[in-house]
Amino acid sequence: MCGRYSLSSEAYEEFIELLTGIHSGSVSRTVPSRFNIAPMQPIPVIRLKGSDQDQVIMPDQDLPPKEVALMQWGLVPHWSKELPQGRPLINARSETIADKPSFRGPFRRRKCLVPADGFYEWKRGGASPVPFHCCQPDHKPFAFAGIWEIWMGPHGEDWLETVSLITKDATPAMKPVHHRSPVIVDAEDYDLWLRPKDPPDKDIFKKLSIKTDAELRIYEVSGYVNNVRNDGTECINPARGSQYNMF
């Protein structure tokens, strides 16, 4: 799974600069640095302008501009009668996303990009889980593949946009740490991923480049990151005695 990640203000600004024709939407082009982003928190998301109104896009039609929106991490299905009280749907499995009732609609119409500059996974099997940080060299930004949804209260009194990150079987580099990895979308595939498809393209994950996956560096960090209230640069610092670029 992917349950925590990082995004510095510098990486976010660099990511936004790489996108052409983007509208600011409800979020500024600058965000504060975050080194321990956790579920249920608001996060910046890149989507197609008009996708919140189910704007129809024909297969041969140019995509509308991209826009930034702020969403809660943890997808709430549109058909839920109330906000769930249990564990939020922070991840969707790529292998079943096209069939699961909570995810199949957003997978058709509301795919998105979630900018990041790293993420965390915990290696289990010892006395306690050991956290690892995964990032590109120099903490360059990249994008998770995501899906998002709109939830409204039964009487229209509430309006909430939520997002889930998509995962896949772990890459060879990740397997020593965890059995799942987030799906990362390279810049060349942004439009391929964002384009709505109905019926959905169940093979789209095979079409996405894995260049960023191959560049990731994975290294142990301290238990400081375990507490979601800790959000400083210490979260991403290599643990004492660990080897940077361990995997």
C-alpha atoms as a PDB file:
ATOM      1  CA  MET A   1       0.000   0.000   0.000  1.00  0.00           C
ATOM      2  CA  CYS A   2       0.990   3.655  -0.022  1.00  0.00           C
ATOM      3  CA  GLY A   3      -0.042   5.320   3.223  1.00  0.00           C
ATOM      4  CA  ARG A   4       2.344   8.284   3.603  1.00  0.00           C
ATOM      5  CA  TYR A   5       4.262  10.497   1.214  1.00  0.00           C
ATOM      6  CA  SER A   6       6.208  13.739   0.950  1.00  0.00           C
ATOM      7  CA  LEU A   7       5.989  16.853  -1.221  1.00  0.00           C
ATOM      8  CA  SER A   8       8.201  19.900  -0.743  1.00  0.00           C
ATOM      9  CA  SER A   9       7.062  23.322  -1.937  1.00  0.00           C
ATOM     10  CA  GLU A  10      10.014  23.398  -4.358  1.00  0.00           C
ATOM     11  CA  ALA A  11       9.103  20.028  -5.870  1.00  0.00           C
ATOM     12  CA  TYR A  12       5.459  21.078  -6.209  1.00  0.00           C
ATOM     13  CA  GLU A  13       6.371  24.310  -7.992  1.00  0.00           C
ATOM     14  CA  GLU A  14       8.706  22.402 -10.324  1.00  0.00           C
ATOM     15  CA  PHE A  15       5.937  19.902 -11.077  1.00  0.00           C
ATOM     16  CA  ILE A  16       3.400  22.641 -11.868  1.00  0.00           C
ATOM     17  CA  GLU A  17       5.875  24.395 -14.159  1.00  0.00           C
ATOM     18  CA  LEU A  18       6.175  21.220 -16.226  1.00  0.00           C
ATOM     19  CA  LEU A  19       2.438  21.152 -16.916  1.00  0.00           C
ATOM     20  CA  THR A  20       1.231  23.245 -19.840  1.00  0.00           C
ATOM     21  CA  GLY A  21      -2.020  25.201 -19.889  1.00  0.00           C
ATOM     22  CA  ILE A  22      -2.873  24.521 -16.284  1.00  0.00           C
ATOM     23  CA  HIS A  23      -5.548  26.447 -14.398  1.00  0.00           C
ATOM     24  CA  SER A  24      -5.018  27.102 -10.708  1.00  0.00           C
ATOM     25  CA  GLY A  25      -8.464  25.805  -9.761  1.00  0.00           C
ATOM     26  CA  SER A  26      -9.067  26.063  -6.025  1.00  0.00           C
ATOM     27  CA  VAL A  27      -5.398  25.800  -5.049  1.00  0.00           C
ATOM     28  CA  SER A  28      -2.490  28.213  -5.263  1.00  0.00           C
ATOM     29  CA  ARG A  29       0.513  27.356  -7.391  1.00  0.00           C
ATOM     30  CA  THR A  30       2.480  27.216  -4.126  1.00  0.00           C
ATOM     31  CA  VAL A  31       1.926  24.874  -1.183  1.00  0.00           C
ATOM     32  CA  PRO A  32       3.824  24.484   2.104  1.00  0.00           C
ATOM     33  CA  SER A  33       6.438  21.749   2.273  1.00  0.00           C
ATOM     34  CA  ARG A  34       5.070  18.524   3.728  1.00  0.00           C
ATOM     35  CA  PHE A  35       7.286  15.607   4.701  1.00  0.00           C
ATOM     36  CA  ASN A  36       4.701  13.272   6.248  1.00  0.00           C
ATOM     37  CA  ILE A  37       1.414  13.557   4.365  1.00  0.00           C
ATOM     38  CA  ALA A  38      -1.146  11.142   5.801  1.00  0.00           C
ATOM     39  CA  PRO A  39      -4.651   9.842   4.953  1.00  0.00           C
ATOM     40  CA  MET A  40      -7.665  12.087   5.615  1.00  0.00           C
ATOM     41  CA  GLN A  41      -5.557  15.202   5.044  1.00  0.00           C
ATOM     42  CA  PRO A  42      -6.156  17.656   2.165  1.00  0.00           C
ATOM     43  CA  ILE A  43      -3.740  17.152  -0.736  1.00  0.00           C
ATOM     44  CA  PRO A  44      -3.233  18.899  -4.113  1.00  0.00           C
ATOM     45  CA  VAL A  45      -4.479  16.905  -7.103  1.00  0.00           C
ATOM     46  CA  ILE A  46      -4.237  17.487 -10.871  1.00  0.00           C
ATOM     47  CA  ARG A  47      -7.394  16.734 -12.866  1.00  0.00           C
ATOM     48  CA  LEU A  48      -8.974  17.731 -16.170  1.00  0.00           C
ATOM     49  CA  LYS A  49     -10.917  20.970 -16.079  1.00  0.00           C
ATOM     50  CA  GLY A  50     -14.627  20.194 -16.248  1.00  0.00           C
ATOM     51  CA  SER A  51     -14.278  16.656 -14.932  1.00  0.00           C
ATOM     52  CA  ASP A  52     -16.154  17.708 -11.797  1.00  0.00           C
ATOM     53  CA  GLN A  53     -19.156  18.257 -14.075  1.00  0.00           C
ATOM     54  CA  ASP A  54     -18.732  14.990 -16.026  1.00  0.00           C
ATOM     55  CA  GLN A  55     -17.860  16.909 -19.182  1.00  0.00           C
ATOM     56  CA  VAL A  56     -18.026  14.520 -22.155  1.00  0.00           C
ATOM     57  CA  ILE A  57     -14.744  14.056 -24.027  1.00  0.00           C
ATOM     58  CA  MET A  58     -14.844  12.163 -27.322  1.00  0.00           C
ATOM     59  CA  PRO A  59     -12.036   9.671 -28.107  1.00  0.00           C
ATOM     60  CA  ASP A  60     -10.596  11.881 -30.882  1.00  0.00           C
ATOM     61  CA  GLN A  61     -11.119  15.166 -29.021  1.00  0.00           C
ATOM     62  CA  ASP A  62      -8.297  17.190 -27.484  1.00  0.00           C
ATOM     63  CA  LEU A  63      -8.230  17.076 -23.713  1.00  0.00           C
ATOM     64  CA  PRO A  64      -9.308  20.178 -21.788  1.00  0.00           C
ATOM     65  CA  PRO A  65      -6.695  22.016 -19.692  1.00  0.00           C
ATOM     66  CA  LYS A  66      -5.513  20.526 -16.439  1.00  0.00           C
ATOM     67  CA  GLU A  67      -6.364  22.176 -13.143  1.00  0.00           C
ATOM     68  CA  VAL A  68      -5.306  21.884  -9.523  1.00  0.00           C
ATOM     69  CA  ALA A  69      -7.835  20.974  -6.851  1.00  0.00           C
ATOM     70  CA  LEU A  70      -7.580  20.249  -3.142  1.00  0.00           C
ATOM     71  CA  MET A  71      -9.039  16.900  -2.073  1.00  0.00           C
ATOM     72  CA  GLN A  72      -9.209  14.724   1.010  1.00  0.00           C
ATOM     73  CA  TRP A  73      -7.037  11.627   0.797  1.00  0.00           C
ATOM     74  CA  GLY A  74      -9.364   8.665   1.271  1.00  0.00           C
ATOM     75  CA  LEU A  75     -12.035   8.090  -1.373  1.00  0.00           C
ATOM     76  CA  VAL A  76     -15.691   8.204  -0.360  1.00  0.00           C
ATOM     77  CA  PRO A  77     -17.960   6.494  -2.934  1.00  0.00           C
ATOM     78  CA  HIS A  78     -20.663   8.775  -4.313  1.00  0.00           C
ATOM     79  CA  TRP A  79     -23.345   6.284  -3.289  1.00  0.00           C
ATOM     80  CA  SER A  80     -22.377   6.297   0.417  1.00  0.00           C
ATOM     81  CA  LYS A  81     -25.282   7.544   2.524  1.00  0.00           C
ATOM     82  CA  GLU A  82     -22.914   9.023   5.095  1.00  0.00           C
ATOM     83  CA  LEU A  83     -19.221   9.600   5.599  1.00  0.00           C
ATOM     84  CA  PRO A  84     -17.591   6.289   6.546  1.00  0.00           C
ATOM     85  CA  GLN A  85     -16.316   5.881  10.079  1.00  0.00           C
ATOM     86  CA  GLY A  86     -13.869   3.039   9.355  1.00  0.00           C
ATOM     87  CA  ARG A  87     -10.579   2.950   7.513  1.00  0.00           C
ATOM     88  CA  PRO A  88     -10.593   5.320   4.522  1.00  0.00           C
ATOM     89  CA  LEU A  89     -10.122   3.996   0.988  1.00  0.00           C
ATOM     90  CA  ILE A  90      -6.668   5.480   0.509  1.00  0.00           C
ATOM     91  CA  ASN A  91      -5.551   2.905  -2.087  1.00  0.00           C
ATOM     92  CA  ALA A  92      -7.152   1.127  -5.028  1.00  0.00           C
ATOM     93  CA  ARG A  93      -5.576  -2.019  -6.453  1.00  0.00           C
ATOM     94  CA  SER A  94      -4.805  -1.749 -10.168  1.00  0.00           C
ATOM     95  CA  GLU A  95      -5.729  -5.402 -10.646  1.00  0.00           C
ATOM     96  CA  THR A  96      -9.357  -4.919  -9.484  1.00  0.00           C
ATOM     97  CA  ILE A  97     -10.037  -1.197  -9.904  1.00  0.00           C
ATOM     98  CA  ALA A  98     -12.202  -1.675 -13.002  1.00  0.00           C
ATOM     99  CA  ASP A  99     -14.613  -3.994 -11.167  1.00  0.00           C
ATOM    100  CA  LYS A 100     -14.855  -2.794  -7.575  1.00  0.00           C
ATOM    101  CA  PRO A 101     -18.080  -0.785  -7.000  1.00  0.00           C
ATOM    102  CA  SER A 102     -16.238   1.933  -5.079  1.00  0.00           C
ATOM    103  CA  PHE A 103     -13.663   2.503  -7.815  1.00  0.00           C
ATOM    104  CA  ARG A 104     -15.024   1.522 -11.236  1.00  0.00           C
ATOM    105  CA  GLY A 105     -16.911   4.780 -11.844  1.00  0.00           C
ATOM    106  CA  PRO A 106     -13.991   7.083 -10.983  1.00  0.00           C
ATOM    107  CA  PHE A 107     -11.674   4.808 -13.007  1.00  0.00           C
ATOM    108  CA  ARG A 108     -13.806   5.532 -16.069  1.00  0.00           C
ATOM    109  CA  ARG A 109     -14.399   9.267 -15.615  1.00  0.00           C
ATOM    110  CA  ARG A 110     -12.238  10.797 -12.888  1.00  0.00           C
ATOM    111  CA  LYS A 111      -8.603   9.819 -13.060  1.00  0.00           C
ATOM    112  CA  CYS A 112      -6.050  12.262 -11.665  1.00  0.00           C
ATOM    113  CA  LEU A 113      -2.386  12.894 -10.901  1.00  0.00           C
ATOM    114  CA  VAL A 114      -1.106  13.390  -7.354  1.00  0.00           C
ATOM    115  CA  PRO A 115       2.255  15.201  -7.219  1.00  0.00           C
ATOM    116  CA  ALA A 116       4.892  13.930  -4.783  1.00  0.00           C
ATOM    117  CA  ASP A 117       8.628  13.852  -4.292  1.00  0.00           C
ATOM    118  CA  GLY A 118       8.767  10.649  -2.278  1.00  0.00           C
ATOM    119  CA  PHE A 119       6.760   8.071  -0.338  1.00  0.00           C
ATOM    120  CA  TYR A 120       7.179   5.753   2.616  1.00  0.00           C
ATOM    121  CA  GLU A 121       6.813   2.033   3.100  1.00  0.00           C
ATOM    122  CA  TRP A 122       7.356  -0.020   6.244  1.00  0.00           C
ATOM    123  CA  LYS A 123       9.319  -3.267   6.238  1.00  0.00           C
ATOM    124  CA  ARG A 124       7.771  -5.814   8.583  1.00  0.00           C
ATOM    125  CA  GLY A 125       9.078  -9.026  10.060  1.00  0.00           C
ATOM    126  CA  GLY A 126      11.269  -7.776  12.893  1.00  0.00           C
ATOM    127  CA  ALA A 127      10.456  -6.541  16.372  1.00  0.00           C
ATOM    128  CA  SER A 128       8.776  -3.469  14.874  1.00  0.00           C
ATOM    129  CA  PRO A 129       8.147  -2.142  11.322  1.00  0.00           C
ATOM    130  CA  VAL A 130      11.086  -0.224   9.837  1.00  0.00           C
ATOM    131  CA  PRO A 131      10.254   2.854   7.699  1.00  0.00           C
ATOM    132  CA  PHE A 132      11.865   3.442   4.303  1.00  0.00           C
ATOM    133  CA  HIS A 133      11.690   6.499   2.074  1.00  0.00           C
ATOM    134  CA  CYS A 134      11.466   6.107  -1.703  1.00  0.00           C
ATOM    135  CA  CYS A 135      12.367   9.005  -3.993  1.00  0.00           C
ATOM    136  CA  GLN A 136      14.067  10.030  -7.212  1.00  0.00           C
ATOM    137  CA  PRO A 137      17.630  11.356  -7.152  1.00  0.00           C
ATOM    138  CA  ASP A 138      17.671  14.929  -5.801  1.00  0.00           C
ATOM    139  CA  HIS A 139      14.027  14.447  -4.717  1.00  0.00           C
ATOM    140  CA  LYS A 140      12.698  15.416  -8.144  1.00  0.00           C
ATOM    141  CA  PRO A 141       8.883  15.505  -8.364  1.00  0.00           C
ATOM    142  CA  PHE A 142       6.766  12.777  -9.903  1.00  0.00           C
ATOM    143  CA  ALA A 143       3.056  11.886 -10.012  1.00  0.00           C
ATOM    144  CA  PHE A 144       1.045   9.062  -8.494  1.00  0.00           C
ATOM    145  CA  ALA A 145      -1.857   7.656 -10.491  1.00  0.00           C
ATOM    146  CA  GLY A 146      -5.091   8.459  -8.669  1.00  0.00           C
ATOM    147  CA  ILE A 147      -8.854   8.393  -8.980  1.00  0.00           C
ATOM    148  CA  TRP A 148     -11.205  10.849  -7.353  1.00  0.00           C
ATOM    149  CA  GLU A 149     -14.884  11.137  -6.533  1.00  0.00           C
ATOM    150  CA  ILE A 150     -17.521  13.647  -5.415  1.00  0.00           C
ATOM    151  CA  TRP A 151     -19.628  12.829  -2.360  1.00  0.00           C
ATOM    152  CA  MET A 152     -22.713  14.802  -1.348  1.00  0.00           C
ATOM    153  CA  GLY A 153     -24.794  14.456   1.788  1.00  0.00           C
ATOM    154  CA  PRO A 154     -28.279  12.924   1.457  1.00  0.00           C
ATOM    155  CA  HIS A 155     -29.880  16.354   1.326  1.00  0.00           C
ATOM    156  CA  GLY A 156     -27.102  18.099  -0.570  1.00  0.00           C
ATOM    157  CA  GLU A 157     -25.900  19.776   2.609  1.00  0.00           C
ATOM    158  CA  ASP A 158     -22.323  18.495   2.252  1.00  0.00           C
ATOM    159  CA  TRP A 159     -19.916  18.427  -0.684  1.00  0.00           C
ATOM    160  CA  LEU A 160     -16.608  16.602  -0.520  1.00  0.00           C
ATOM    161  CA  GLU A 161     -14.032  15.672  -3.151  1.00  0.00           C
ATOM    162  CA  THR A 162     -11.866  12.702  -2.211  1.00  0.00           C
ATOM    163  CA  VAL A 163      -9.029  10.779  -3.836  1.00  0.00           C
ATOM    164  CA  SER A 164      -7.422   7.343  -3.723  1.00  0.00           C
ATOM    165  CA  LEU A 165      -3.923   6.357  -4.892  1.00  0.00           C
ATOM    166  CA  ILE A 166      -3.532   3.296  -7.111  1.00  0.00           C
ATOM    167  CA  THR A 167      -1.153   0.481  -6.243  1.00  0.00           C
ATOM    168  CA  LYS A 168       0.351  -2.503  -8.057  1.00  0.00           C
ATOM    169  CA  ASP A 169       2.603  -5.455  -7.299  1.00  0.00           C
ATOM    170  CA  ALA A 170       5.899  -4.256  -5.889  1.00  0.00           C
ATOM    171  CA  THR A 171       8.711  -3.437  -8.260  1.00  0.00           C
ATOM    172  CA  PRO A 172      11.832  -5.613  -7.937  1.00  0.00           C
ATOM    173  CA  ALA A 173      13.557  -2.839  -5.958  1.00  0.00           C
ATOM    174  CA  MET A 174      10.591  -2.496  -3.573  1.00  0.00           C
ATOM    175  CA  LYS A 175      10.009  -6.193  -2.853  1.00  0.00           C
ATOM    176  CA  PRO A 176      12.613  -6.430  -0.067  1.00  0.00           C
ATOM    177  CA  VAL A 177      10.612  -3.744   1.769  1.00  0.00           C
ATOM    178  CA  HIS A 178       6.942  -4.226   0.820  1.00  0.00           C
ATOM    179  CA  HIS A 179       4.802  -6.321  -1.521  1.00  0.00           C
ATOM    180  CA  ARG A 180       2.967  -3.336  -3.081  1.00  0.00           C
ATOM    181  CA  SER A 181       4.083  -0.163  -4.867  1.00  0.00           C
ATOM    182  CA  PRO A 182       2.160   2.961  -5.921  1.00  0.00           C
ATOM    183  CA  VAL A 183       1.515   3.362  -9.643  1.00  0.00           C
ATOM    184  CA  ILE A 184       3.631   6.277 -10.914  1.00  0.00           C
ATOM    185  CA  VAL A 185       2.743   8.128 -14.115  1.00  0.00           C
ATOM    186  CA  ASP A 186       5.627   9.579 -16.138  1.00  0.00           C
ATOM    187  CA  ALA A 187       5.170  12.953 -17.837  1.00  0.00           C
ATOM    188  CA  GLU A 188       4.870  11.377 -21.282  1.00  0.00           C
ATOM    189  CA  ASP A 189       1.809   9.429 -20.079  1.00  0.00           C
ATOM    190  CA  TYR A 190      -0.113  12.180 -18.273  1.00  0.00           C
ATOM    191  CA  ASP A 191      -2.679  12.622 -21.051  1.00  0.00           C
ATOM    192  CA  LEU A 192      -2.962   8.875 -21.621  1.00  0.00           C
ATOM    193  CA  TRP A 193      -3.805   8.399 -17.958  1.00  0.00           C
ATOM    194  CA  LEU A 194      -6.159  11.377 -17.563  1.00  0.00           C
ATOM    195  CA  ARG A 195      -8.317  10.679 -20.632  1.00  0.00           C
ATOM    196  CA  PRO A 196     -11.731   9.277 -19.613  1.00  0.00           C
ATOM    197  CA  LYS A 197     -12.558   5.840 -21.023  1.00  0.00           C
ATOM    198  CA  ASP A 198     -15.964   4.170 -21.007  1.00  0.00           C
ATOM    199  CA  PRO A 199     -15.730   1.219 -21.151  1.00  0.00           C
ATOM    200  CA  PRO A 200     -12.479   1.530 -19.194  1.00  0.00           C
ATOM    201  CA  ASP A 201      -9.116   0.506 -20.588  1.00  0.00           C
ATOM    202  CA  LYS A 202      -8.239  -2.372 -18.275  1.00  0.00           C
ATOM    203  CA  ASP A 203      -4.811  -2.685 -19.917  1.00  0.00           C
ATOM    204  CA  ILE A 204      -3.783   0.921 -19.308  1.00  0.00           C
ATOM    205  CA  PHE A 205      -1.387  -0.023 -16.512  1.00  0.00           C
ATOM    206  CA  LYS A 206       0.614  -2.123 -18.993  1.00  0.00           C
ATOM    207  CA  LYS A 207       0.949   0.951 -21.229  1.00  0.00           C
ATOM    208  CA  LEU A 208       2.449   3.249 -18.608  1.00  0.00           C
ATOM    209  CA  SER A 209       6.184   3.854 -18.648  1.00  0.00           C
ATOM    210  CA  ILE A 210       8.215   2.491 -15.719  1.00  0.00           C
ATOM    211  CA  LYS A 211      11.188   4.843 -16.094  1.00  0.00           C
ATOM    212  CA  THR A 212      10.566   6.614 -12.787  1.00  0.00           C
ATOM    213  CA  ASP A 213      10.132   3.266 -11.015  1.00  0.00           C
ATOM    214  CA  ALA A 214      13.593   2.283 -12.228  1.00  0.00           C
ATOM    215  CA  GLU A 215      15.123   5.517 -10.898  1.00  0.00           C
ATOM    216  CA  LEU A 216      13.729   5.329  -7.366  1.00  0.00           C
ATOM    217  CA  ARG A 217      16.150   5.221  -4.462  1.00  0.00           C
ATOM    218  CA  ILE A 218      14.996   3.416  -1.321  1.00  0.00           C
ATOM    219  CA  TYR A 219      16.628   3.999   2.042  1.00  0.00           C
ATOM    220  CA  GLU A 220      15.859   3.518   5.716  1.00  0.00           C
ATOM    221  CA  VAL A 221      14.687   6.501   7.760  1.00  0.00           C
ATOM    222  CA  SER A 222      14.147   6.907  11.481  1.00  0.00           C
ATOM    223  CA  GLY A 223      11.013   6.087  13.428  1.00  0.00           C
ATOM    224  CA  TYR A 224      10.369   9.828  13.647  1.00  0.00           C
ATOM    225  CA  VAL A 225       8.105   9.467  10.605  1.00  0.00           C
ATOM    226  CA  ASN A 226       5.882   6.928  12.360  1.00  0.00           C
ATOM    227  CA  ASN A 227       4.002   9.705  14.165  1.00  0.00           C
ATOM    228  CA  VAL A 228       1.784  11.634  11.727  1.00  0.00           C
ATOM    229  CA  ARG A 229       2.217  14.747  13.867  1.00  0.00           C
ATOM    230  CA  ASN A 230       5.902  14.840  12.905  1.00  0.00           C
ATOM    231  CA  ASP A 231       6.202  16.692   9.619  1.00  0.00           C
ATOM    232  CA  GLY A 232       9.752  18.090   9.463  1.00  0.00           C
ATOM    233  CA  THR A 233      12.708  17.301   7.227  1.00  0.00           C
ATOM    234  CA  GLU A 234      13.862  14.734   9.777  1.00  0.00           C
ATOM    235  CA  CYS A 235      11.240  12.434   8.247  1.00  0.00           C
ATOM    236  CA  ILE A 236      13.276  12.031   5.051  1.00  0.00           C
ATOM    237  CA  ASN A 237      16.765  12.000   6.578  1.00  0.00           C
ATOM    238  CA  PRO A 238      18.566   8.642   6.304  1.00  0.00           C
ATOM    239  CA  ALA A 239      18.530   6.694   9.555  1.00  0.00           C
ATOM    240  CA  ARG A 240      21.775   6.660  11.489  1.00  0.00           C
ATOM    241  CA  GLY A 241      23.925   3.816  10.237  1.00  0.00           C
ATOM    242  CA  SER A 242      21.765   3.180   7.136  1.00  0.00           C
ATOM    243  CA  GLN A 243      23.125   3.198   3.608  1.00  0.00           C
ATOM    244  CA  TYR A 244      21.613   5.778   1.288  1.00  0.00           C
ATOM    245  CA  ASN A 245      20.458   4.061  -1.920  1.00  0.00           C
ATOM    246  CA  MET A 246      20.171   0.791   0.015  1.00  0.00           C
ATOM    247  CA  PHE A 247      18.056  -0.769  -2.746  1.00  0.00           C
END
